C-alpha atoms as a PDB file:
ATOM      1  CA  MET A   1     141.128  73.580  88.910  1.00  0.00           C
ATOM      2  CA  PHE A   2     140.198  74.834  85.441  1.00  0.00           C
ATOM      3  CA  GLN A   3     142.497  73.426  82.763  1.00  0.00           C
ATOM      4  CA  VAL A   4     142.883  74.905  79.290  1.00  0.00           C
ATOM      5  CA  ARG A   5     144.717  73.335  76.362  1.00  0.00           C
ATOM      6  CA  PHE A   6     145.734  75.401  73.343  1.00  0.00           C
ATOM      7  CA  HIS A   7     146.413  73.912  69.910  1.00  0.00           C
ATOM      8  CA  GLY A   8     147.931  75.744  66.978  1.00  0.00           C
ATOM      9  CA  ARG A   9     151.049  76.078  64.899  1.00  0.00           C
ATOM     10  CA  SER A  10     154.406  77.657  65.579  1.00  0.00           C
ATOM     11  CA  GLY A  11     154.206  81.367  64.826  1.00  0.00           C
ATOM     12  CA  GLN A  12     150.545  81.742  65.850  1.00  0.00           C
ATOM     13  CA  GLY A  13     151.168  82.869  69.412  1.00  0.00           C
ATOM     14  CA  VAL A  14     150.016  79.617  71.031  1.00  0.00           C
ATOM     15  CA  VAL A  15     152.457  79.929  73.927  1.00  0.00           C
ATOM     16  CA  THR A  16     151.833  83.659  74.277  1.00  0.00           C
ATOM     17  CA  ALA A  17     148.078  83.022  74.514  1.00  0.00           C
ATOM     18  CA  ALA A  18     148.523  80.660  77.467  1.00  0.00           C
ATOM     19  CA  GLU A  19     150.816  83.151  79.195  1.00  0.00           C
ATOM     20  CA  LEU A  20     148.359  86.001  78.674  1.00  0.00           C
ATOM     21  CA  LEU A  21     145.517  83.910  80.063  1.00  0.00           C
ATOM     22  CA  ALA A  22     147.564  83.081  83.146  1.00  0.00           C
ATOM     23  CA  GLU A  23     148.383  86.768  83.638  1.00  0.00           C
ATOM     24  CA  ALA A  24     144.712  87.674  83.307  1.00  0.00           C
ATOM     25  CA  ALA A  25     143.704  85.093  85.909  1.00  0.00           C
ATOM     26  CA  PHE A  26     146.517  86.186  88.247  1.00  0.00           C
ATOM     27  CA  SER A  27     145.401  89.818  88.008  1.00  0.00           C
ATOM     28  CA  GLU A  28     141.968  88.730  89.211  1.00  0.00           C
ATOM     29  CA  GLY A  29     143.445  87.202  92.349  1.00  0.00           C
ATOM     30  CA  ARG A  30     143.757  83.576  91.347  1.00  0.00           C
ATOM     31  CA  HIS A  31     146.663  81.195  90.967  1.00  0.00           C
ATOM     32  CA  ALA A  32     147.698  80.309  87.417  1.00  0.00           C
ATOM     33  CA  GLN A  33     150.404  78.519  85.477  1.00  0.00           C
ATOM     34  CA  ALA A  34     151.183  78.542  81.763  1.00  0.00           C
ATOM     35  CA  PHE A  35     153.690  76.336  79.980  1.00  0.00           C
ATOM     36  CA  PRO A  36     154.266  74.931  76.476  1.00  0.00           C
ATOM     37  CA  SER A  37     154.679  71.507  74.947  1.00  0.00           C
ATOM     38  CA  PHE A  38     156.647  71.836  71.741  1.00  0.00           C
ATOM     39  CA  GLY A  39     156.947  69.348  68.964  1.00  0.00           C
ATOM     40  CA  SER A  40     159.114  70.424  66.078  1.00  0.00           C
ATOM     41  CA  GLU A  41     160.377  73.994  66.385  1.00  0.00           C
ATOM     42  CA  ARG A  42     160.071  74.722  62.666  1.00  0.00           C
ATOM     43  CA  MET A  43     157.637  77.464  61.640  1.00  0.00           C
ATOM     44  CA  GLY A  44     154.161  76.060  61.099  1.00  0.00           C
ATOM     45  CA  ALA A  45     154.729  72.894  63.143  1.00  0.00           C
ATOM     46  CA  PRO A  46     151.949  71.870  65.570  1.00  0.00           C
ATOM     47  CA  VAL A  47     152.327  73.368  69.039  1.00  0.00           C
ATOM     48  CA  MET A  48     150.450  72.862  72.293  1.00  0.00           C
ATOM     49  CA  SER A  49     150.401  75.013  75.398  1.00  0.00           C
ATOM     50  CA  PHE A  50     148.565  74.769  78.687  1.00  0.00           C
ATOM     51  CA  CYS A  51     147.082  77.055  81.292  1.00  0.00           C
ATOM     52  CA  LEU A  52     145.979  75.986  84.779  1.00  0.00           C
ATOM     53  CA  ILE A  53     143.757  78.264  86.882  1.00  0.00           C
ATOM     54  CA  ASP A  54     142.704  77.696  90.479  1.00  0.00           C
ATOM     55  CA  ASP A  55     141.694  79.532  93.636  1.00  0.00           C
ATOM     56  CA  LYS A  56     144.441  77.783  95.588  1.00  0.00           C
ATOM     57  CA  PRO A  57     148.139  77.184  94.883  1.00  0.00           C
ATOM     58  CA  ILE A  58     148.799  74.855  91.954  1.00  0.00           C
ATOM     59  CA  ARG A  59     151.207  72.058  92.780  1.00  0.00           C
ATOM     60  CA  THR A  60     151.182  70.212  89.481  1.00  0.00           C
ATOM     61  CA  HIS A  61     153.102  71.120  86.334  1.00  0.00           C
ATOM     62  CA  GLU A  62     151.902  68.322  84.098  1.00  0.00           C
ATOM     63  CA  PRO A  63     150.513  68.625  80.549  1.00  0.00           C
ATOM     64  CA  VAL A  64     146.733  68.930  80.412  1.00  0.00           C
ATOM     65  CA  THR A  65     145.278  65.575  79.414  1.00  0.00           C
ATOM     66  CA  GLU A  66     141.642  66.254  80.393  1.00  0.00           C
ATOM     67  CA  PRO A  67     140.973  69.885  79.457  1.00  0.00           C
ATOM     68  CA  ASP A  68     137.962  71.822  80.655  1.00  0.00           C
ATOM     69  CA  ALA A  69     138.431  74.023  77.597  1.00  0.00           C
ATOM     70  CA  LEU A  70     140.054  73.654  74.195  1.00  0.00           C
ATOM     71  CA  ILE A  71     141.263  76.680  72.265  1.00  0.00           C
ATOM     72  CA  ILE A  72     142.103  75.669  68.701  1.00  0.00           C
ATOM     73  CA  GLN A  73     143.967  78.424  66.892  1.00  0.00           C
ATOM     74  CA  ASP A  74     144.422  76.582  63.585  1.00  0.00           C
ATOM     75  CA  PRO A  75     141.468  74.630  62.135  1.00  0.00           C
ATOM     76  CA  THR A  76     143.751  72.677  59.779  1.00  0.00           C
ATOM     77  CA  LEU A  77     144.721  70.617  62.821  1.00  0.00           C
ATOM     78  CA  LEU A  78     141.172  69.400  63.421  1.00  0.00           C
ATOM     79  CA  HIS A  79     141.550  66.225  61.374  1.00  0.00           C
ATOM     80  CA  GLN A  80     145.326  65.810  61.601  1.00  0.00           C
ATOM     81  CA  ALA A  81     145.881  65.220  65.305  1.00  0.00           C
ATOM     82  CA  ASP A  82     144.067  63.889  68.335  1.00  0.00           C
ATOM     83  CA  ILE A  83     143.352  67.356  69.644  1.00  0.00           C
ATOM     84  CA  PHE A  84     140.093  66.241  71.246  1.00  0.00           C
ATOM     85  CA  GLY A  85     141.805  63.618  73.404  1.00  0.00           C
ATOM     86  CA  GLY A  86     140.551  63.720  76.987  1.00  0.00           C
ATOM     87  CA  PHE A  87     138.149  66.569  76.265  1.00  0.00           C
ATOM     88  CA  ARG A  88     135.281  66.531  78.752  1.00  0.00           C
ATOM     89  CA  GLY A  89     132.266  65.435  76.768  1.00  0.00           C
ATOM     90  CA  ILE A  90     133.720  62.404  75.003  1.00  0.00           C
ATOM     91  CA  ALA A  91     132.301  59.347  76.720  1.00  0.00           C
ATOM     92  CA  PRO A  92     134.614  56.426  77.478  1.00  0.00           C
ATOM     93  CA  PRO A  93     133.880  53.061  75.811  1.00  0.00           C
ATOM     94  CA  GLY A  94     130.640  51.522  77.046  1.00  0.00           C
ATOM     95  CA  ARG A  95     129.260  54.768  78.423  1.00  0.00           C
ATOM     96  CA  GLN A  96     126.627  56.853  76.671  1.00  0.00           C
ATOM     97  CA  SER A  97     127.884  60.229  75.539  1.00  0.00           C
ATOM     98  CA  GLY A  98     125.955  63.442  75.926  1.00  0.00           C
ATOM     99  CA  ARG A  99     125.695  64.739  79.472  1.00  0.00           C
ATOM    100  CA  LEU A 100     129.449  64.613  79.971  1.00  0.00           C
ATOM    101  CA  GLY A 101     129.608  67.436  77.471  1.00  0.00           C
ATOM    102  CA  ASP A 102     127.976  69.776  79.980  1.00  0.00           C
ATOM    103  CA  GLU A 103     131.449  70.507  81.333  1.00  0.00           C
ATOM    104  CA  GLY A 104     133.439  71.232  78.195  1.00  0.00           C
ATOM    105  CA  TYR A 105     134.117  74.470  76.321  1.00  0.00           C
ATOM    106  CA  MET A 106     135.674  74.677  72.875  1.00  0.00           C
ATOM    107  CA  LEU A 107     136.560  77.668  70.729  1.00  0.00           C
ATOM    108  CA  ILE A 108     137.882  77.284  67.185  1.00  0.00           C
ATOM    109  CA  ASN A 109     139.492  79.973  65.076  1.00  0.00           C
ATOM    110  CA  SER A 110     137.432  79.789  61.905  1.00  0.00           C
ATOM    111  CA  ALA A 111     134.947  81.728  59.808  1.00  0.00           C
ATOM    112  CA  ARG A 112     133.267  78.426  58.929  1.00  0.00           C
ATOM    113  CA  GLY A 113     130.651  76.626  60.989  1.00  0.00           C
ATOM    114  CA  PHE A 114     130.954  73.189  62.543  1.00  0.00           C
ATOM    115  CA  GLU A 115     129.162  71.527  59.633  1.00  0.00           C
ATOM    116  CA  GLU A 116     131.645  72.962  57.140  1.00  0.00           C
ATOM    117  CA  LEU A 117     134.491  71.940  59.429  1.00  0.00           C
ATOM    118  CA  GLY A 118     133.242  68.346  59.452  1.00  0.00           C
ATOM    119  CA  LEU A 119     132.423  68.430  63.166  1.00  0.00           C
ATOM    120  CA  ASP A 120     128.606  68.418  63.068  1.00  0.00           C
ATOM    121  CA  GLU A 121     128.382  64.854  64.407  1.00  0.00           C
ATOM    122  CA  PHE A 122     130.969  65.531  67.091  1.00  0.00           C
ATOM    123  CA  VAL A 123     129.326  68.651  68.534  1.00  0.00           C
ATOM    124  CA  LYS A 124     125.837  67.183  68.808  1.00  0.00           C
ATOM    125  CA  ASP A 125     126.808  65.492  72.101  1.00  0.00           C
ATOM    126  CA  PHE A 126     127.648  68.803  73.742  1.00  0.00           C
ATOM    127  CA  HIS A 127     125.801  71.848  75.009  1.00  0.00           C
ATOM    128  CA  ARG A 128     125.886  73.903  71.829  1.00  0.00           C
ATOM    129  CA  ASP A 129     126.335  77.223  73.573  1.00  0.00           C
ATOM    130  CA  ARG A 130     129.654  75.971  74.969  1.00  0.00           C
ATOM    131  CA  LEU A 131     131.219  75.177  71.583  1.00  0.00           C
ATOM    132  CA  LEU A 132     131.692  78.022  69.140  1.00  0.00           C
ATOM    133  CA  VAL A 133     133.784  79.318  66.274  1.00  0.00           C
ATOM    134  CA  VAL A 134     135.177  82.833  66.032  1.00  0.00           C
ATOM    135  CA  PRO A 135     137.008  84.367  63.019  1.00  0.00           C
ATOM    136  CA  ALA A 136     139.999  85.313  65.140  1.00  0.00           C
ATOM    137  CA  SER A 137     142.535  85.551  62.317  1.00  0.00           C
ATOM    138  CA  ALA A 138     140.233  87.817  60.312  1.00  0.00           C
ATOM    139  CA  LEU A 139     139.610  90.039  63.329  1.00  0.00           C
ATOM    140  CA  ALA A 140     143.338  90.273  64.006  1.00  0.00           C
ATOM    141  CA  LEU A 141     144.017  91.161  60.382  1.00  0.00           C
ATOM    142  CA  THR A 142     141.430  93.931  60.562  1.00  0.00           C
ATOM    143  CA  HIS A 143     142.578  95.481  63.833  1.00  0.00           C
ATOM    144  CA  LEU A 144     146.249  94.518  64.018  1.00  0.00           C
ATOM    145  CA  GLY A 145     147.188  94.184  60.368  1.00  0.00           C
ATOM    146  CA  ARG A 146     148.452  90.626  60.900  1.00  0.00           C
ATOM    147  CA  PRO A 147     146.386  87.407  61.128  1.00  0.00           C
ATOM    148  CA  LEU A 148     147.643  86.430  64.591  1.00  0.00           C
ATOM    149  CA  PRO A 149     144.768  84.766  66.469  1.00  0.00           C
ATOM    150  CA  ASP A 150     146.086  84.625  70.043  1.00  0.00           C
ATOM    151  CA  ALA A 151     144.610  87.840  71.478  1.00  0.00           C
ATOM    152  CA  PRO A 152     141.178  87.576  69.825  1.00  0.00           C
ATOM    153  CA  MET A 153     140.930  83.929  70.869  1.00  0.00           C
ATOM    154  CA  LEU A 154     141.366  85.049  74.483  1.00  0.00           C
ATOM    155  CA  GLY A 155     138.690  87.699  74.076  1.00  0.00           C
ATOM    156  CA  GLY A 156     136.372  85.009  72.726  1.00  0.00           C
ATOM    157  CA  PHE A 157     137.367  82.673  75.557  1.00  0.00           C
ATOM    158  CA  ALA A 158     136.401  85.298  78.137  1.00  0.00           C
ATOM    159  CA  ALA A 159     132.947  85.637  76.581  1.00  0.00           C
ATOM    160  CA  LEU A 160     132.496  81.885  76.185  1.00  0.00           C
ATOM    161  CA  THR A 161     133.499  80.751  79.672  1.00  0.00           C
ATOM    162  CA  GLY A 162     133.510  83.700  82.054  1.00  0.00           C
ATOM    163  CA  VAL A 163     136.609  82.153  83.652  1.00  0.00           C
ATOM    164  CA  VAL A 164     138.375  85.486  83.225  1.00  0.00           C
ATOM    165  CA  GLY A 165     136.931  88.884  82.463  1.00  0.00           C
ATOM    166  CA  LEU A 166     137.539  90.879  79.319  1.00  0.00           C
ATOM    167  CA  GLN A 167     139.180  93.720  81.276  1.00  0.00           C
ATOM    168  CA  ALA A 168     141.708  91.290  82.734  1.00  0.00           C
ATOM    169  CA  VAL A 169     142.522  90.002  79.254  1.00  0.00           C
ATOM    170  CA  LEU A 170     142.952  93.540  77.936  1.00  0.00           C
ATOM    171  CA  ALA A 171     145.196  94.448  80.885  1.00  0.00           C
ATOM    172  CA  ALA A 172     147.394  91.412  80.197  1.00  0.00           C
ATOM    173  CA  ILE A 173     147.648  92.406  76.523  1.00  0.00           C
ATOM    174  CA  ASN A 174     148.575  95.982  77.399  1.00  0.00           C
ATOM    175  CA  ALA A 175     151.260  94.775  79.806  1.00  0.00           C
ATOM    176  CA  LYS A 176     152.759  92.357  77.265  1.00  0.00           C
ATOM    177  CA  PHE A 177     153.058  94.413  74.092  1.00  0.00           C
ATOM    178  CA  SER A 178     154.223  97.830  72.973  1.00  0.00           C
ATOM    179  CA  VAL A 179     151.526 100.517  72.774  1.00  0.00           C
ATOM    180  CA  SER A 180     150.787 100.206  69.055  1.00  0.00           C
ATOM    181  CA  VAL A 181     150.776  96.393  69.040  1.00  0.00           C
ATOM    182  CA  ALA A 182     148.758  96.239  72.246  1.00  0.00           C
ATOM    183  CA  ASP A 183     146.153  98.610  70.837  1.00  0.00           C
ATOM    184  CA  GLY A 184     145.519  96.419  67.779  1.00  0.00           C
ATOM    185  CA  ASN A 185     145.457  93.232  69.824  1.00  0.00           C
ATOM    186  CA  ALA A 186     143.104  94.771  72.379  1.00  0.00           C
ATOM    187  CA  LYS A 187     140.687  95.895  69.667  1.00  0.00           C
ATOM    188  CA  ALA A 188     140.753  92.411  68.119  1.00  0.00           C
ATOM    189  CA  ALA A 189     140.153  90.807  71.531  1.00  0.00           C
ATOM    190  CA  ARG A 190     137.227  93.097  72.243  1.00  0.00           C
ATOM    191  CA  ALA A 191     135.724  92.400  68.807  1.00  0.00           C
ATOM    192  CA  ALA A 192     136.046  88.646  69.405  1.00  0.00           C
ATOM    193  CA  PHE A 193     134.458  89.007  72.844  1.00  0.00           C
ATOM    194  CA  ASP A 194     131.461  90.799  71.308  1.00  0.00           C
ATOM    195  CA  PHE A 195     131.213  88.235  68.493  1.00  0.00           C
ATOM    196  CA  VAL A 196     131.153  85.251  70.856  1.00  0.00           C
ATOM    197  CA  ALA A 197     128.808  86.953  73.320  1.00  0.00           C
ATOM    198  CA  ASP A 198     126.320  87.624  70.507  1.00  0.00           C
ATOM    199  CA  GLU A 199     126.633  84.046  69.232  1.00  0.00           C
ATOM    200  CA  ARG A 200     125.974  82.635  72.704  1.00  0.00           C
ATOM    201  CA  LYS A 201     122.898  84.803  73.149  1.00  0.00           C
ATOM    202  CA  ALA A 202     121.478  83.660  69.816  1.00  0.00           C
ATOM    203  CA  LEU A 203     122.178  80.014  70.587  1.00  0.00           C
ATOM    204  CA  ARG A 204     120.610  80.257  74.027  1.00  0.00           C
ATOM    205  CA  ARG A 205     117.449  81.743  72.545  1.00  0.00           C
ATOM    206  CA  CYS A 206     117.211  78.771  70.217  1.00  0.00           C
ATOM    207  CA  LEU A 207     118.052  76.279  72.955  1.00  0.00           C
ATOM    208  CA  SER A 208     115.318  77.725  75.156  1.00  0.00           C
ATOM    209  CA  ARG A 209     112.819  76.734  72.444  1.00  0.00           C
ATOM    210  CA  SER A 210     114.295  73.382  71.490  1.00  0.00           C
ATOM    211  CA  ARG A 211     117.312  71.439  72.780  1.00  0.00           C
ATOM    212  CA  ASP A 212     117.628  69.673  69.410  1.00  0.00           C
ATOM    213  CA  PRO A 213     119.404  71.847  66.793  1.00  0.00           C
ATOM    214  CA  ALA A 214     118.022  69.592  64.045  1.00  0.00           C
ATOM    215  CA  ARG A 215     114.570  71.009  64.817  1.00  0.00           C
ATOM    216  CA  TRP A 216     115.553  74.657  64.640  1.00  0.00           C
ATOM    217  CA  PRO A 217     113.701  76.364  61.743  1.00  0.00           C
ATOM    218  CA  ARG A 218     116.034  77.983  59.250  1.00  0.00           C
ATOM    219  CA  ARG A 219     114.372  81.335  59.905  1.00  0.00           C
ATOM    220  CA  TRP A 220     115.902  81.396  63.398  1.00  0.00           C
ATOM    221  CA  PRO A 221     119.139  83.446  63.394  1.00  0.00           C
ATOM    222  CA  CYS A 222     121.027  80.710  65.209  1.00  0.00           C
ATOM    223  CA  ALA A 223     119.901  77.932  62.875  1.00  0.00           C
ATOM    224  CA  ALA A 224     122.635  78.559  60.307  1.00  0.00           C
ATOM    225  CA  PRO A 225     125.409  75.927  60.548  1.00  0.00           C
ATOM    226  CA  ARG A 226     127.964  76.763  63.203  1.00  0.00           C
END
């Protein structure tokens, strides 16, 4: 079972994103569940939601404590809550970290790189082409007119993981929203998909030359802080 945990704030479409992902997976013939875990209901309060995807019926309805993927819709939460708890890639006490990170995916809504976000030490223990940032709010503002990151984050997720296809994400968006709102969200999702796909390609070219980002020459396109 592939387990996704979403983190964001009330009003950012965190619950909607999980529901759209479940619909996308269902349309591709798999079983899926989406459900929220609310804290305070005031606008701007931290919110979590979860999506479970499997090829067989899902019997559990428990919060995701060991996510295969993290989707972080608000970067201001990065240093305010234990959003990385249970994330595959963090070694338990007494065990060397590194290879565990082969399993984990993480996508953060930000126009800043991991170094600027204060996560450069954290991400070094992971496969770098599985952890990326995408300017989802900016893309939504451009295509939708509002900085709502949920749809573009799903487009980026599709490119990052391949767990669902972009067409399934777009179909879920079109089924959820009115025509005008769906059109803007779909354009933002497609733009995020292209952004993440290009980032992954650049990172993989660099990783094929050296597995150590510290050794990447600055002239390489992927060597800029991410």
